[in-house]
């Protein structure tokens, strides 16, 4: 009998179209439990669409997707209880305090009052937000707002977390603070699917990287494996020979 846990996410032949435009074209991907997998690719590659389907926000046009063994199309209510989502657009209410934002999420999860207070205090402390607990979210820095957004995602104690370009627009220090929180999550057994356009983010955070282009999986390996497969060696000098008259400034 196998002792390996079931995959956190299993995607097979996933397809999605908007009119004549194919966004996902037969995507296959498996995310092992207790790991970070990064979806890397340019705008329009299908990253956010994949997350929207997995989080039951968008129907598929073909293929299957499972979260912890549960089909996202047939068992959406079960899937929603197992996941947390931090999207590109913040879910933080700017007029509520950090504590009030977290309490709102606790109420949505119908947590008992004592459990709610304990969970909120723990998240404020874990994310370094305790001193800002009574401040309106709009008074917090961008990095602190993003940490609050992630903390809100964790109120329901999800087993699988989707992070859709969570560090876009953050300064380097705020990005690294958020990276530390993600690694802490995974060390605690949470599985994470992260979308990003940043190579360094995927390299730093991910156990495996899936590269999407045109809705298809074009590479899938560990960061070290991908770098080794595509390493052309170091080039100290690059020489270009122009075979036709052209504007050298334009070439540069």
Protein backbone atom coordinates (compact mmCIF):
# COMPACT_ATOMS: atom_id res chain seq x y z
CA UNK A 1 0.00 0.00 0.00
CA UNK A 2 1.32 3.45 -0.96
CA UNK A 3 2.10 5.82 1.91
CA UNK A 4 2.22 8.91 -0.32
CA UNK A 5 -0.57 11.43 0.34
CA UNK A 6 -3.07 12.21 -2.40
CA UNK A 7 -2.13 15.19 -4.60
CA UNK A 8 -3.41 18.56 -3.48
CA UNK A 9 -4.49 19.39 -7.04
CA UNK A 10 -5.03 17.21 -10.11
CA UNK A 11 -5.81 18.80 -13.48
CA UNK A 12 -6.40 16.72 -16.62
CA UNK A 13 -7.18 18.04 -20.11
CA UNK A 14 -8.50 21.34 -18.78
CA UNK A 15 -9.99 23.58 -21.46
CA UNK A 16 -11.52 27.04 -21.39
CA UNK A 17 -12.61 29.30 -24.21
CA UNK A 18 -14.00 32.81 -24.43
CA UNK A 19 -15.70 32.96 -27.80
CA UNK A 20 -13.09 32.07 -30.42
CA UNK A 21 -10.21 32.59 -27.97
CA UNK A 22 -8.79 29.49 -26.31
CA UNK A 23 -7.39 30.35 -22.88
CA UNK A 24 -6.64 26.82 -21.64
CA UNK A 25 -5.86 24.20 -24.23
CA UNK A 26 -5.79 20.77 -22.60
CA UNK A 27 -3.83 21.63 -19.44
CA UNK A 28 -2.48 18.72 -17.36
CA UNK A 29 -0.93 19.47 -13.96
CA UNK A 30 -0.47 17.76 -10.60
CA UNK A 31 0.43 19.64 -7.41
CA UNK A 32 1.81 17.37 -4.65
CA UNK A 33 0.43 17.92 -1.16
CA UNK A 34 2.47 20.10 1.18
CA UNK A 35 4.35 21.91 -1.59
CA UNK A 36 4.42 25.20 -3.48
CA UNK A 37 3.86 24.98 -7.23
CA UNK A 38 4.32 28.19 -9.20
CA UNK A 39 2.40 28.88 -12.41
CA UNK A 40 4.74 31.06 -14.40
CA UNK A 41 3.88 32.83 -17.63
CA UNK A 42 3.08 36.16 -19.30
CA UNK A 43 -0.28 37.91 -19.20
CA UNK A 44 -2.86 35.86 -21.06
CA UNK A 45 -1.07 32.55 -20.49
CA UNK A 46 -4.03 31.14 -18.54
CA UNK A 47 -2.75 31.44 -14.95
CA UNK A 48 -5.66 33.36 -13.43
CA UNK A 49 -8.19 31.32 -15.40
CA UNK A 50 -6.71 28.15 -13.91
CA UNK A 51 -7.01 29.54 -10.39
CA UNK A 52 -10.59 30.71 -11.06
CA UNK A 53 -11.60 27.22 -12.18
CA UNK A 54 -9.89 25.49 -9.26
CA UNK A 55 -11.56 27.84 -6.79
CA UNK A 56 -15.00 27.07 -8.32
CA UNK A 57 -15.48 30.62 -9.60
CA UNK A 58 -15.44 29.64 -13.28
CA UNK A 59 -16.84 26.60 -15.13
CA UNK A 60 -14.68 24.57 -17.49
CA UNK A 61 -15.31 23.80 -21.15
CA UNK A 62 -13.63 20.42 -20.86
CA UNK A 63 -11.35 18.28 -18.75
CA UNK A 64 -11.38 17.71 -15.01
CA UNK A 65 -9.96 19.44 -11.96
CA UNK A 66 -9.77 18.00 -8.44
CA UNK A 67 -8.75 19.53 -5.12
CA UNK A 68 -7.77 16.96 -2.49
CA UNK A 69 -9.65 14.36 -4.51
CA UNK A 70 -12.85 16.39 -4.87
CA UNK A 71 -14.13 17.39 -8.31
CA UNK A 72 -14.46 21.19 -8.47
CA UNK A 73 -17.48 20.98 -10.81
CA UNK A 74 -19.39 18.23 -9.00
CA UNK A 75 -18.44 19.02 -5.40
CA UNK A 76 -17.96 22.79 -5.27
CA UNK A 77 -19.25 23.21 -1.71
CA UNK A 78 -16.74 20.70 -0.36
CA UNK A 79 -13.91 22.30 -2.36
CA UNK A 80 -14.76 25.75 -1.02
CA UNK A 81 -14.42 24.52 2.55
CA UNK A 82 -10.93 23.20 1.79
CA UNK A 83 -9.42 26.20 0.02
CA UNK A 84 -8.39 29.81 0.53
CA UNK A 85 -7.91 32.35 -2.26
CA UNK A 86 -5.87 35.54 -2.38
CA UNK A 87 -6.65 37.17 -5.70
CA UNK A 88 -5.00 39.92 -7.68
CA UNK A 89 -7.58 42.37 -6.32
CA UNK A 90 -7.47 42.74 -2.56
CA UNK A 91 -10.44 41.55 -0.50
CA UNK A 92 -9.56 44.00 2.28
CA UNK A 93 -12.22 46.57 3.18
CA UNK A 94 -10.28 49.86 3.47
CA UNK A 95 -12.74 51.39 5.96
CA UNK A 96 -12.55 48.49 8.44
CA UNK A 97 -9.69 47.97 10.86
CA UNK A 98 -7.38 45.00 10.52
CA UNK A 99 -9.24 43.24 13.34
CA UNK A 100 -12.64 44.03 11.82
CA UNK A 101 -11.59 42.64 8.44
CA UNK A 102 -10.52 39.39 10.08
CA UNK A 103 -13.67 39.25 12.20
CA UNK A 104 -15.77 39.66 9.07
CA UNK A 105 -14.12 36.57 7.57
CA UNK A 106 -14.58 34.65 10.83
CA UNK A 107 -18.29 35.49 10.79
CA UNK A 108 -18.57 34.33 7.18
CA UNK A 109 -17.08 31.00 8.27
CA UNK A 110 -19.53 30.89 11.23
CA UNK A 111 -16.70 30.43 13.72
CA UNK A 112 -17.74 30.41 17.38
CA UNK A 113 -16.91 33.70 19.10
CA UNK A 114 -14.16 32.25 21.30
CA UNK A 115 -12.51 30.49 18.36
CA UNK A 116 -12.85 33.64 16.27
CA UNK A 117 -11.04 35.77 18.88
CA UNK A 118 -8.26 33.20 19.22
CA UNK A 119 -7.82 32.81 15.44
CA UNK A 120 -7.75 36.59 14.88
CA UNK A 121 -5.19 37.18 17.63
CA UNK A 122 -2.98 34.43 16.23
CA UNK A 123 -3.12 35.79 12.67
CA UNK A 124 -2.45 39.38 13.75
CA UNK A 125 0.61 38.19 15.65
CA UNK A 126 1.82 35.83 12.92
CA UNK A 127 1.68 38.51 10.23
CA UNK A 128 3.16 41.29 12.35
CA UNK A 129 -0.11 43.22 12.37
CA UNK A 130 -0.79 43.33 16.11
CA UNK A 131 0.25 46.99 16.47
CA UNK A 132 -1.96 47.89 13.51
CA UNK A 133 -4.96 45.90 14.72
CA UNK A 134 -7.09 49.00 15.38
CA UNK A 135 -6.03 50.95 12.30
CA UNK A 136 -8.23 51.22 9.25
CA UNK A 137 -6.83 49.13 6.40
CA UNK A 138 -6.52 52.24 4.23
CA UNK A 139 -3.99 53.61 6.75
CA UNK A 140 -1.69 50.59 6.29
CA UNK A 141 1.16 50.34 3.79
CA UNK A 142 0.70 48.31 0.64
CA UNK A 143 2.77 45.49 2.06
CA UNK A 144 0.78 45.38 5.30
CA UNK A 145 -2.49 45.43 3.38
CA UNK A 146 -1.32 42.46 1.34
CA UNK A 147 -0.33 40.59 4.50
CA UNK A 148 -3.77 41.35 5.93
CA UNK A 149 -5.32 40.03 2.72
CA UNK A 150 -3.41 36.76 3.11
CA UNK A 151 -4.31 36.57 6.80
CA UNK A 152 -7.99 36.88 5.84
CA UNK A 153 -7.54 33.97 3.45
CA UNK A 154 -6.30 31.83 6.35
CA UNK A 155 -9.15 32.52 8.78
CA UNK A 156 -10.94 29.39 7.59
CA UNK A 157 -7.79 27.26 8.09
CA UNK A 158 -7.64 26.10 4.43
CA UNK A 159 -5.67 23.03 3.38
CA UNK A 160 -4.99 24.40 -0.12
CA UNK A 161 -4.26 28.08 -0.82
CA UNK A 162 -4.33 29.82 -4.19
CA UNK A 163 -2.21 32.98 -4.48
CA UNK A 164 -2.79 34.90 -7.70
CA UNK A 165 0.20 37.23 -8.25
CA UNK A 166 0.19 38.18 -4.55
CA UNK A 167 3.31 40.38 -4.59
CA UNK A 168 2.58 42.52 -7.64
CA UNK A 169 3.34 46.16 -6.82
CA UNK A 170 5.08 45.42 -3.52
CA UNK A 171 8.53 46.74 -2.66
CA UNK A 172 11.37 44.18 -2.27
CA UNK A 173 11.14 44.02 1.52
CA UNK A 174 7.37 43.54 1.53
CA UNK A 175 7.74 40.81 -1.10
CA UNK A 176 10.25 38.93 0.99
CA UNK A 177 8.05 39.26 4.08
CA UNK A 178 5.20 37.68 2.14
CA UNK A 179 7.51 34.95 0.83
CA UNK A 180 8.42 34.09 4.42
CA UNK A 181 4.74 33.76 5.29
CA UNK A 182 4.15 31.44 2.35
CA UNK A 183 7.05 29.19 3.33
CA UNK A 184 5.74 29.09 6.91
CA UNK A 185 2.36 28.00 5.57
CA UNK A 186 3.89 25.15 3.60
CA UNK A 187 6.08 24.09 6.52
CA UNK A 188 2.82 23.69 8.44
CA UNK A 189 1.41 21.33 5.82
CA UNK A 190 -0.58 23.71 3.62
CA UNK A 191 -0.40 23.23 -0.15
CA UNK A 192 0.04 26.37 -2.27
CA UNK A 193 -0.54 27.13 -5.95
CA UNK A 194 1.07 30.46 -6.77
CA UNK A 195 0.76 32.42 -10.00
CA UNK A 196 3.50 34.88 -10.79
CA UNK A 197 5.33 36.69 -13.57
CA UNK A 198 8.51 36.99 -11.51
CA UNK A 199 11.26 34.47 -12.19
CA UNK A 200 12.98 35.18 -8.88
CA UNK A 201 9.74 34.63 -6.97
CA UNK A 202 9.21 31.22 -8.56
CA UNK A 203 12.85 30.33 -7.96
CA UNK A 204 12.74 31.38 -4.31
CA UNK A 205 9.35 29.96 -3.30
CA UNK A 206 8.43 27.03 -5.50
CA UNK A 207 9.20 23.36 -5.10
CA UNK A 208 8.11 22.95 -8.72
CA UNK A 209 7.47 25.44 -11.53
CA UNK A 210 4.89 24.99 -14.27
CA UNK A 211 5.42 27.30 -17.25
CA UNK A 212 2.28 28.20 -19.21
CA UNK A 213 2.19 29.68 -22.68
CA UNK A 214 -0.92 30.06 -24.78
CA UNK A 215 -2.93 27.95 -22.36
CA UNK A 216 -0.57 25.00 -22.59
CA UNK A 217 2.01 23.57 -20.22
CA UNK A 218 5.36 24.02 -21.94
CA UNK A 219 7.66 23.08 -19.03
CA UNK A 220 7.26 21.56 -15.56
CA UNK A 221 10.16 20.82 -13.23
CA UNK A 222 11.97 21.95 -10.13
CA UNK A 223 13.55 25.42 -10.37
CA UNK A 224 16.99 23.81 -10.45
CA UNK A 225 15.88 21.37 -13.15
CA UNK A 226 14.48 24.12 -15.35
CA UNK A 227 17.61 26.24 -14.99
CA UNK A 228 19.84 23.27 -15.80
CA UNK A 229 17.79 22.33 -18.85
CA UNK A 230 17.86 25.85 -20.29
CA UNK A 231 21.29 27.03 -19.18
CA UNK A 232 23.22 28.16 -22.22
CA UNK A 233 26.34 28.85 -20.16
CA UNK A 234 27.83 32.26 -19.50
CA UNK A 235 28.57 34.62 -22.34
CA UNK A 236 31.26 37.19 -21.65
CA UNK A 237 30.93 38.82 -25.08
CA UNK A 238 28.11 38.85 -27.60
CA UNK A 239 28.85 39.91 -31.19
CA UNK A 240 26.15 40.89 -33.68
CA UNK A 241 26.80 41.14 -37.40
CA UNK A 242 24.26 43.21 -39.30
CA UNK A 243 23.74 41.93 -42.84
CA UNK A 244 21.74 44.91 -44.05
CA UNK A 245 21.85 48.65 -43.43
CA UNK A 246 19.81 49.54 -40.36
CA UNK A 247 19.54 52.02 -37.54
CA UNK A 248 22.09 50.99 -34.91
CA UNK A 249 20.21 52.84 -32.17
CA UNK A 250 17.12 50.79 -32.94
CA UNK A 251 19.17 47.57 -32.78
CA UNK A 252 20.63 48.57 -29.41
